[in-house]
Amino acid sequence: MIYNYSNLFMLFFMYSFMGYFVEVISASITNRKFSLSRGFLIGPYLPVYGIGALFITLFISKYSDDYIAIFIIGMVISCIIEYFTSYILEKIFDLRWWDYSKKKFNLNGRICLSTGIKFGFCSIFVIKIGNPFLFRLFKCFSPKNLLIISIILSAVIVIDTIMSNYIISSLKIDTKKYFRKDATEEIKNKVRESLSKYRVLYTRLLQAFPYLSLENRKFDKIIKLIRRNK
């Protein structure tokens, strides 16, 4: 398969799309409640899965006959991507988007062994099942049509990313004035007031990341109060 822009982007998009539904199913089972709210983008896709699949495709395809190599290298690549994604998002938004601190064999709460093992099996799926199927699917489209679809979807994701980042940044609440008193109810009302402007997306974000936390330690107590009284 030729790795041109269209093929690589469509590979990225399809795995981002599949990753979204994997997360939905996993979260629904874990929380015993069905919810389509996963990820911080508006659309039904999780780019971290697409990026991981691209790296796996580009760097592991030559080991396609070695399941152990696919598993180990895929696990390492995926964990590195997840770690730095967590770090970068935290630096940008000052928020911890996921936390594995309570799981065994974790590294700074950003990655853990159990998730890494899942990534290893996903890597085998990508190389042995996912990619062969998707590449056959891409051949059903002419190069021109595939390029047009790729450009349109690229624009959608760029616009989605810009809008989502803008809205997430406006979620910031000045908690300093509530720090010296127990004002949980006041904070909750302030949150509701902030959410009312972009109700649908904000609700989706809070459902997608119920354990969002400010990294700044002096806000930890306030955040715990908000969560306990939701």
Foldseek 3Di string as FASTA:
>chain_A
DDPDPLLLLVQLFVQQLVVQVVLQVVCCVVVVHGDSQADLFPDSGHNLRSVLLSVLVVPPLVVLVPLVCLLVVQLVSSLVSQQVVQVVVCVLLLKRQFAQPVPPQDDRRRDHDVVSNVSSVVSNCSNPPVVVVVVVVVVVDDPVVSVVVSVVVVVVVVVRVVVSSVLSNQQDDPCVVVLVDPDLVVVLVVNVVSCVVVVPSVVSSCVNRVPMDRPPVSCRVSSVSNSVVD
